[in-house]
């Protein structure tokens, strides 16, 4: 019988104390046992309660207890929990954009003891974070209400701030055709921009961009805008306007150009514990791989679970999401991670004793600059 922590937690909300007793037991402050060895003790204890006759209704699939305050018996079946306390009842309860929702319901002889959602990405779907419906820089038009572009994050032309060190420039996506689309948005902690150090012409120009990482491939979508002419250009002439995007959202492209690099990894288990690990995505002849470098938990790591061991896992990319499997303390966790900004995140499942895979928690991979 499958009894995951989520099911037990939900059940605890609807029944009184002593929920660790089995179905059919008498629950409550008297918590009577049923075997003959304790028969004499049972008679004595029952006689002191507000329900002197006991509360066993003879049904093996109910939890039975005495409400001492009311002086009456109460009974509940494991499947009698309210709908809102079950993750799902039918597949429709698990619906999500661009995912096939599947409601898994595990039953025993006494009724439903667990129900949970699995969401499988639909390959034919066109979510915003995908390579579908892209527009090139040259095709961007102010007549469009929304558009999606793809490219590598780079700094705008540094000549617009010649003489400043470091030099603050626009952040944009450089597409395969050589077109440049400026990224803009609200001026907050995620304001879009880059810094370029051009003080020493003998050194290679290095740019540091935010919130996107320099020289990393992204998809971005939003409202097309025109970035007005400004600053210096050849012969001190004004720079011509650049096409721009007022960004509504963006994500790493789920390919080598977007994913290769260093990551901080977390697994947040359903039990409330977490495990941290350092990792990198590398490109091999066989495709992409996640190389995990084990890290011990420490006081500053905010984690309680044991470390994820050093290993290499195949990273299977799809359009906007990836799949991988990691071994954690001898258990294989299978994860489906969607690309969201500089993160890959999604549910981690593990093998259960029935009904295939069961939830283990959430896995998050955050790409470093």
Protein backbone atom coordinates (compact mmCIF):
# COMPACT_ATOMS: atom_id res chain seq x y z
CA UNK A 1 0.00 0.00 0.00
CA UNK A 2 1.33 3.42 -0.93
CA UNK A 3 1.18 6.08 1.76
CA UNK A 4 3.23 9.11 0.85
CA UNK A 5 3.77 12.03 3.21
CA UNK A 6 1.38 14.27 1.27
CA UNK A 7 -1.54 11.89 1.80
CA UNK A 8 -0.85 11.52 5.50
CA UNK A 9 -0.54 15.27 5.94
CA UNK A 10 -3.91 15.84 4.25
CA UNK A 11 -5.53 13.15 6.37
CA UNK A 12 -4.19 14.75 9.54
CA UNK A 13 -6.22 17.88 8.80
CA UNK A 14 -9.53 16.05 9.04
CA UNK A 15 -9.08 13.52 11.86
CA UNK A 16 -8.22 13.90 15.57
CA UNK A 17 -5.08 12.75 17.32
CA UNK A 18 -3.46 9.31 17.03
CA UNK A 19 -3.67 9.07 13.25
CA UNK A 20 -0.82 6.62 13.25
CA UNK A 21 -3.24 3.90 14.32
CA UNK A 22 -4.46 1.55 11.63
CA UNK A 23 -7.95 1.75 10.03
CA UNK A 24 -10.44 0.01 12.26
CA UNK A 25 -8.66 0.95 15.49
CA UNK A 26 -10.41 2.96 18.17
CA UNK A 27 -8.84 6.42 18.00
CA UNK A 28 -8.87 9.18 20.57
CA UNK A 29 -7.61 9.73 24.07
CA UNK A 30 -8.26 6.08 25.02
CA UNK A 31 -6.61 4.56 21.91
CA UNK A 32 -7.77 0.98 22.64
CA UNK A 33 -5.82 -1.96 21.21
CA UNK A 34 -7.70 -4.94 19.80
CA UNK A 35 -5.71 -8.11 20.54
CA UNK A 36 -6.65 -10.61 23.24
CA UNK A 37 -3.43 -10.02 25.17
CA UNK A 38 -4.71 -6.60 26.21
CA UNK A 39 -8.40 -7.51 26.53
CA UNK A 40 -8.58 -6.86 30.29
CA UNK A 41 -6.80 -3.51 29.91
CA UNK A 42 -9.24 -2.60 27.13
CA UNK A 43 -12.32 -3.18 29.27
CA UNK A 44 -10.90 -0.99 32.05
CA UNK A 45 -9.95 1.86 29.74
CA UNK A 46 -13.21 1.87 27.77
CA UNK A 47 -15.22 2.07 30.96
CA UNK A 48 -13.55 5.38 31.90
CA UNK A 49 -14.41 7.18 28.67
CA UNK A 50 -17.48 9.16 27.66
CA UNK A 51 -18.33 6.28 25.36
CA UNK A 52 -18.48 3.31 27.76
CA UNK A 53 -19.61 0.91 25.07
CA UNK A 54 -16.65 1.70 22.84
CA UNK A 55 -16.84 3.12 19.32
CA UNK A 56 -15.93 0.23 17.04
CA UNK A 57 -18.63 0.18 14.35
CA UNK A 58 -17.43 -3.17 13.03
CA UNK A 59 -16.32 -1.62 9.74
CA UNK A 60 -12.60 -2.36 9.21
CA UNK A 61 -12.18 0.61 6.84
CA UNK A 62 -13.19 3.37 9.22
CA UNK A 63 -11.29 5.36 11.80
CA UNK A 64 -13.33 5.22 15.02
CA UNK A 65 -12.96 7.52 18.00
CA UNK A 66 -14.83 8.94 20.96
CA UNK A 67 -15.55 12.64 21.08
CA UNK A 68 -15.07 13.08 24.83
CA UNK A 69 -16.64 16.56 24.90
CA UNK A 70 -19.80 15.51 23.06
CA UNK A 71 -19.93 12.04 24.59
CA UNK A 72 -20.58 10.48 21.19
CA UNK A 73 -18.72 8.27 18.75
CA UNK A 74 -17.43 9.42 15.40
CA UNK A 75 -16.31 7.53 12.32
CA UNK A 76 -14.55 8.48 9.08
CA UNK A 77 -13.30 6.61 6.04
CA UNK A 78 -9.88 7.40 4.48
CA UNK A 79 -11.65 8.44 1.29
CA UNK A 80 -14.04 10.85 3.04
CA UNK A 81 -11.66 13.82 2.87
CA UNK A 82 -13.06 17.01 1.27
CA UNK A 83 -12.22 17.61 -2.38
CA UNK A 84 -10.00 20.60 -1.70
CA UNK A 85 -7.70 18.47 0.45
CA UNK A 86 -7.05 16.00 -2.36
CA UNK A 87 -4.57 17.08 -5.06
CA UNK A 88 -6.97 15.67 -7.68
CA UNK A 89 -10.00 13.49 -8.32
CA UNK A 90 -10.00 13.36 -12.13
CA UNK A 91 -7.48 14.20 -14.87
CA UNK A 92 -9.15 17.57 -15.45
CA UNK A 93 -8.03 18.63 -11.96
CA UNK A 94 -4.43 18.38 -13.17
CA UNK A 95 -4.80 20.56 -16.26
CA UNK A 96 -1.98 23.01 -16.97
CA UNK A 97 -0.86 24.99 -20.03
CA UNK A 98 1.06 22.86 -22.52
CA UNK A 99 0.90 19.78 -20.30
CA UNK A 100 -1.06 16.56 -20.24
CA UNK A 101 -2.57 16.32 -16.75
CA UNK A 102 -2.87 12.84 -15.25
CA UNK A 103 -4.54 12.20 -11.91
CA UNK A 104 -3.03 9.19 -10.16
CA UNK A 105 -5.32 7.66 -7.54
CA UNK A 106 -3.99 4.86 -5.36
CA UNK A 107 -6.59 2.75 -3.61
CA UNK A 108 -6.54 -0.06 -1.07
CA UNK A 109 -9.34 -2.22 0.27
CA UNK A 110 -10.53 0.68 2.39
CA UNK A 111 -10.76 3.36 -0.31
CA UNK A 112 -8.59 6.13 -1.70
CA UNK A 113 -5.50 6.79 0.41
CA UNK A 114 -3.59 9.00 -2.01
CA UNK A 115 -4.21 11.10 -5.11
CA UNK A 116 -1.69 13.30 -6.92
CA UNK A 117 -1.11 15.09 -10.22
CA UNK A 118 1.47 14.34 -12.86
CA UNK A 119 1.97 16.88 -15.65
CA UNK A 120 3.71 15.74 -18.82
CA UNK A 121 4.78 18.46 -21.30
CA UNK A 122 3.09 18.24 -24.69
CA UNK A 123 5.70 18.29 -27.49
CA UNK A 124 3.19 19.72 -29.98
CA UNK A 125 2.27 22.61 -27.70
CA UNK A 126 3.72 26.08 -28.29
CA UNK A 127 4.34 27.66 -24.89
CA UNK A 128 6.01 31.05 -24.68
CA UNK A 129 9.31 29.47 -23.69
CA UNK A 130 9.95 27.61 -26.92
CA UNK A 131 11.42 28.02 -30.37
CA UNK A 132 7.96 28.34 -31.94
CA UNK A 133 6.67 31.51 -33.59
CA UNK A 134 9.96 33.41 -33.65
CA UNK A 135 10.40 36.75 -35.42
CA UNK A 136 13.77 38.04 -36.64
CA UNK A 137 15.09 41.46 -35.70
CA UNK A 138 14.46 42.77 -39.21
CA UNK A 139 10.83 41.59 -39.11
CA UNK A 140 9.91 43.27 -35.82
CA UNK A 141 7.19 45.85 -36.33
CA UNK A 142 5.49 48.36 -34.06
CA UNK A 143 2.24 47.11 -35.55
CA UNK A 144 2.67 43.85 -33.65
CA UNK A 145 1.03 43.62 -30.24
CA UNK A 146 3.47 40.91 -29.16
CA UNK A 147 6.43 39.09 -30.63
CA UNK A 148 9.02 36.49 -29.70
CA UNK A 149 12.71 36.71 -30.62
CA UNK A 150 15.73 34.46 -30.19
CA UNK A 151 19.39 35.25 -29.93
CA UNK A 152 22.57 35.42 -27.90
CA UNK A 153 22.71 37.99 -25.10
CA UNK A 154 25.36 40.61 -25.91
CA UNK A 155 26.12 44.22 -25.07
CA UNK A 156 25.14 47.03 -27.41
CA UNK A 157 27.77 49.10 -29.17
CA UNK A 158 30.18 50.47 -26.58
CA UNK A 159 31.01 53.55 -28.66
CA UNK A 160 27.86 55.22 -27.35
CA UNK A 161 29.71 55.77 -24.08
CA UNK A 162 33.31 56.04 -25.24
CA UNK A 163 35.69 57.15 -22.51
CA UNK A 164 33.73 55.68 -19.63
CA UNK A 165 35.20 52.69 -17.76
CA UNK A 166 33.37 50.50 -17.30
CA UNK A 167 30.90 51.45 -19.98
CA UNK A 168 27.18 50.88 -19.50
CA UNK A 169 25.41 49.72 -22.63
CA UNK A 170 22.16 48.23 -23.84
CA UNK A 171 21.51 44.52 -23.46
CA UNK A 172 20.23 42.85 -26.59
CA UNK A 173 19.81 39.54 -28.38
CA UNK A 174 21.93 39.03 -31.48
CA UNK A 175 20.11 36.68 -33.84
CA UNK A 176 21.58 34.35 -36.43
CA UNK A 177 21.08 36.90 -39.20
CA UNK A 178 23.15 39.50 -37.33
CA UNK A 179 20.14 41.52 -36.24
CA UNK A 180 20.21 43.11 -32.79
CA UNK A 181 17.10 43.48 -30.60
CA UNK A 182 17.40 45.65 -27.47
CA UNK A 183 15.86 44.24 -24.28
CA UNK A 184 14.06 46.77 -22.07
CA UNK A 185 11.71 46.63 -19.12
CA UNK A 186 10.81 48.28 -15.80
CA UNK A 187 13.75 49.94 -14.10
CA UNK A 188 13.99 47.73 -11.05
CA UNK A 189 16.40 45.18 -9.72
CA UNK A 190 16.17 43.29 -13.01
CA UNK A 191 16.71 46.30 -15.28
CA UNK A 192 18.31 45.26 -18.53
CA UNK A 193 21.86 46.33 -19.31
CA UNK A 194 25.51 45.39 -19.71
CA UNK A 195 28.86 46.75 -18.61
CA UNK A 196 31.84 46.67 -20.98
CA UNK A 197 35.44 47.41 -19.98
CA UNK A 198 37.17 49.17 -22.86
CA UNK A 199 39.80 50.99 -20.82
CA UNK A 200 42.69 48.89 -22.10
CA UNK A 201 42.49 48.37 -25.89
CA UNK A 202 45.07 45.60 -25.65
CA UNK A 203 42.66 43.45 -23.63
CA UNK A 204 39.72 41.52 -24.94
CA UNK A 205 36.50 43.42 -24.30
CA UNK A 206 34.55 41.61 -21.56
CA UNK A 207 30.86 42.29 -20.97
CA UNK A 208 28.79 41.51 -17.89
CA UNK A 209 25.05 41.61 -18.51
CA UNK A 210 21.94 41.45 -16.34
CA UNK A 211 19.58 39.82 -15.84
CA UNK A 212 20.52 37.65 -18.83
CA UNK A 213 24.02 36.17 -18.92
CA UNK A 214 26.40 37.40 -21.59
CA UNK A 215 27.00 35.08 -24.57
CA UNK A 216 24.09 32.80 -23.61
CA UNK A 217 21.17 31.97 -25.93
CA UNK A 218 17.66 33.01 -24.87
CA UNK A 219 14.10 33.25 -26.10
CA UNK A 220 12.31 36.48 -25.15
CA UNK A 221 8.81 37.77 -25.81
CA UNK A 222 6.92 41.00 -25.31
CA UNK A 223 5.78 44.18 -27.06
CA UNK A 224 7.93 45.48 -29.95
CA UNK A 225 9.30 48.99 -29.37
CA UNK A 226 11.78 51.29 -31.08
CA UNK A 227 14.87 52.33 -29.12
CA UNK A 228 15.51 55.94 -30.14
CA UNK A 229 18.81 57.20 -31.58
CA UNK A 230 21.29 58.32 -28.95
CA UNK A 231 24.98 58.61 -28.10
CA UNK A 232 27.91 58.47 -30.49
CA UNK A 233 28.38 56.54 -33.69
CA UNK A 234 30.83 56.89 -36.59
CA UNK A 235 31.95 60.52 -37.05
CA UNK A 236 29.94 61.52 -33.97
CA UNK A 237 26.71 60.97 -35.90
CA UNK A 238 23.67 59.86 -33.86
CA UNK A 239 23.22 56.14 -33.62
CA UNK A 240 20.30 54.95 -35.75
CA UNK A 241 17.25 53.50 -33.97
CA UNK A 242 17.41 49.85 -32.95
CA UNK A 243 14.43 47.51 -32.79
CA UNK A 244 13.58 46.67 -29.22
CA UNK A 245 11.35 44.49 -27.08
CA UNK A 246 9.52 45.58 -23.92
CA UNK A 247 10.08 42.24 -22.25
CA UNK A 248 7.17 40.29 -20.79
CA UNK A 249 9.18 37.10 -20.27
CA UNK A 250 12.35 35.26 -21.24
CA UNK A 251 14.10 31.94 -20.73
CA UNK A 252 17.19 29.94 -21.59
CA UNK A 253 17.05 28.22 -24.94
CA UNK A 254 17.01 24.49 -24.23
CA UNK A 255 19.98 23.65 -26.43
CA UNK A 256 23.76 23.71 -26.09
CA UNK A 257 23.94 27.47 -26.76
CA UNK A 258 21.59 28.20 -23.89
CA UNK A 259 22.34 25.45 -21.39
CA UNK A 260 26.09 24.82 -21.39
CA UNK A 261 27.61 26.38 -18.26
CA UNK A 262 27.82 26.17 -14.45
CA UNK A 263 24.79 25.70 -12.18
CA UNK A 264 23.71 25.73 -8.55
CA UNK A 265 21.40 22.78 -7.98
CA UNK A 266 18.76 22.22 -5.30
CA UNK A 267 16.39 19.37 -4.59
CA UNK A 268 13.57 20.45 -2.28
CA UNK A 269 12.07 17.22 -0.96
CA UNK A 270 8.40 16.80 -0.10
CA UNK A 271 9.51 16.00 3.46
CA UNK A 272 10.67 19.62 3.90
CA UNK A 273 14.40 18.93 3.62
CA UNK A 274 16.70 20.13 0.83
CA UNK A 275 19.94 19.05 -0.79
CA UNK A 276 22.38 21.36 -2.57
CA UNK A 277 24.86 20.44 -5.29
CA UNK A 278 27.07 22.17 -7.83
CA UNK A 279 26.85 21.07 -11.44
CA UNK A 280 27.71 21.96 -15.00
CA UNK A 281 26.09 21.21 -18.33
CA UNK A 282 28.57 20.11 -20.97
CA UNK A 283 28.23 19.23 -24.64
CA UNK A 284 29.53 15.80 -25.66
CA UNK A 285 29.51 13.80 -28.87
CA UNK A 286 26.45 12.00 -27.53
CA UNK A 287 24.59 15.21 -26.63
CA UNK A 288 24.25 17.18 -23.39
CA UNK A 289 25.25 15.90 -19.95
CA UNK A 290 24.86 17.24 -16.41
CA UNK A 291 28.04 16.72 -14.41
CA UNK A 292 27.31 16.84 -10.67
CA UNK A 293 29.98 17.86 -8.17
CA UNK A 294 28.90 16.68 -4.72
CA UNK A 295 28.71 19.28 -1.97
CA UNK A 296 28.32 18.67 1.74
CA UNK A 297 25.54 20.42 3.57
CA UNK A 298 26.80 23.20 5.82
CA UNK A 299 25.38 25.74 8.24
CA UNK A 300 25.16 28.39 5.53
CA UNK A 301 23.68 26.07 2.89
CA UNK A 302 20.20 25.97 4.47
CA UNK A 303 19.86 22.25 3.82
CA UNK A 304 19.33 19.19 5.96
CA UNK A 305 19.36 16.28 3.51
CA UNK A 306 22.51 14.38 2.61
CA UNK A 307 24.56 15.45 -0.38
CA UNK A 308 23.88 14.42 -3.95
CA UNK A 309 26.80 12.23 -5.01
CA UNK A 310 29.17 13.04 -7.86
CA UNK A 311 27.79 11.64 -11.10
CA UNK A 312 27.15 12.27 -14.77
CA UNK A 313 23.57 12.27 -16.04
CA UNK A 314 22.24 12.50 -19.57
CA UNK A 315 20.33 15.74 -20.14
CA UNK A 316 17.66 15.28 -22.81
CA UNK A 317 16.55 18.64 -24.26
CA UNK A 318 13.11 19.34 -25.68
CA UNK A 319 11.47 22.55 -26.89
CA UNK A 320 11.38 24.60 -23.69
CA UNK A 321 12.05 21.78 -21.23
CA UNK A 322 14.55 19.04 -20.40
CA UNK A 323 14.56 15.59 -18.84
CA UNK A 324 17.16 13.98 -16.60
CA UNK A 325 17.56 11.37 -13.86
CA UNK A 326 19.81 11.76 -10.80
CA UNK A 327 20.78 9.22 -8.15
CA UNK A 328 20.23 10.53 -4.63
CA UNK A 329 21.14 8.29 -1.70
CA UNK A 330 20.57 5.19 -3.80
CA UNK A 331 17.22 6.37 -5.17
CA UNK A 332 16.81 7.51 -8.78
CA UNK A 333 14.88 10.77 -9.18
CA UNK A 334 13.43 11.46 -12.62
CA UNK A 335 12.85 15.15 -13.31
CA UNK A 336 11.06 17.15 -15.99
CA UNK A 337 12.38 20.71 -15.82
CA UNK A 338 10.93 23.70 -17.64
CA UNK A 339 13.09 26.66 -18.62
CA UNK A 340 12.19 29.82 -16.66
CA UNK A 341 14.54 32.80 -16.98
CA UNK A 342 17.95 31.52 -15.80
CA UNK A 343 16.51 28.40 -14.19
CA UNK A 344 15.41 24.91 -15.06
CA UNK A 345 12.82 23.75 -12.55
CA UNK A 346 10.14 21.15 -12.14
CA UNK A 347 8.89 18.07 -10.27
CA UNK A 348 11.18 15.20 -9.30
CA UNK A 349 9.59 11.75 -9.18
CA UNK A 350 10.84 8.49 -7.70
CA UNK A 351 9.83 4.86 -8.10
CA UNK A 352 6.99 3.85 -5.76
CA UNK A 353 5.71 0.47 -4.67
CA UNK A 354 2.64 0.84 -6.85
CA UNK A 355 1.28 3.01 -9.67
CA UNK A 356 4.70 3.82 -11.15
CA UNK A 357 6.42 7.04 -10.09
CA UNK A 358 5.48 9.13 -7.06
CA UNK A 359 6.35 12.74 -6.18
CA UNK A 360 9.64 13.27 -4.35
CA UNK A 361 9.83 17.06 -4.48
CA UNK A 362 11.12 19.80 -6.79
CA UNK A 363 14.46 20.10 -8.57
CA UNK A 364 15.90 23.52 -9.46
CA UNK A 365 18.99 24.27 -11.55
CA UNK A 366 20.06 27.93 -11.59
CA UNK A 367 22.62 28.96 -14.20
CA UNK A 368 25.50 31.10 -12.98
CA UNK A 369 26.77 34.14 -14.97
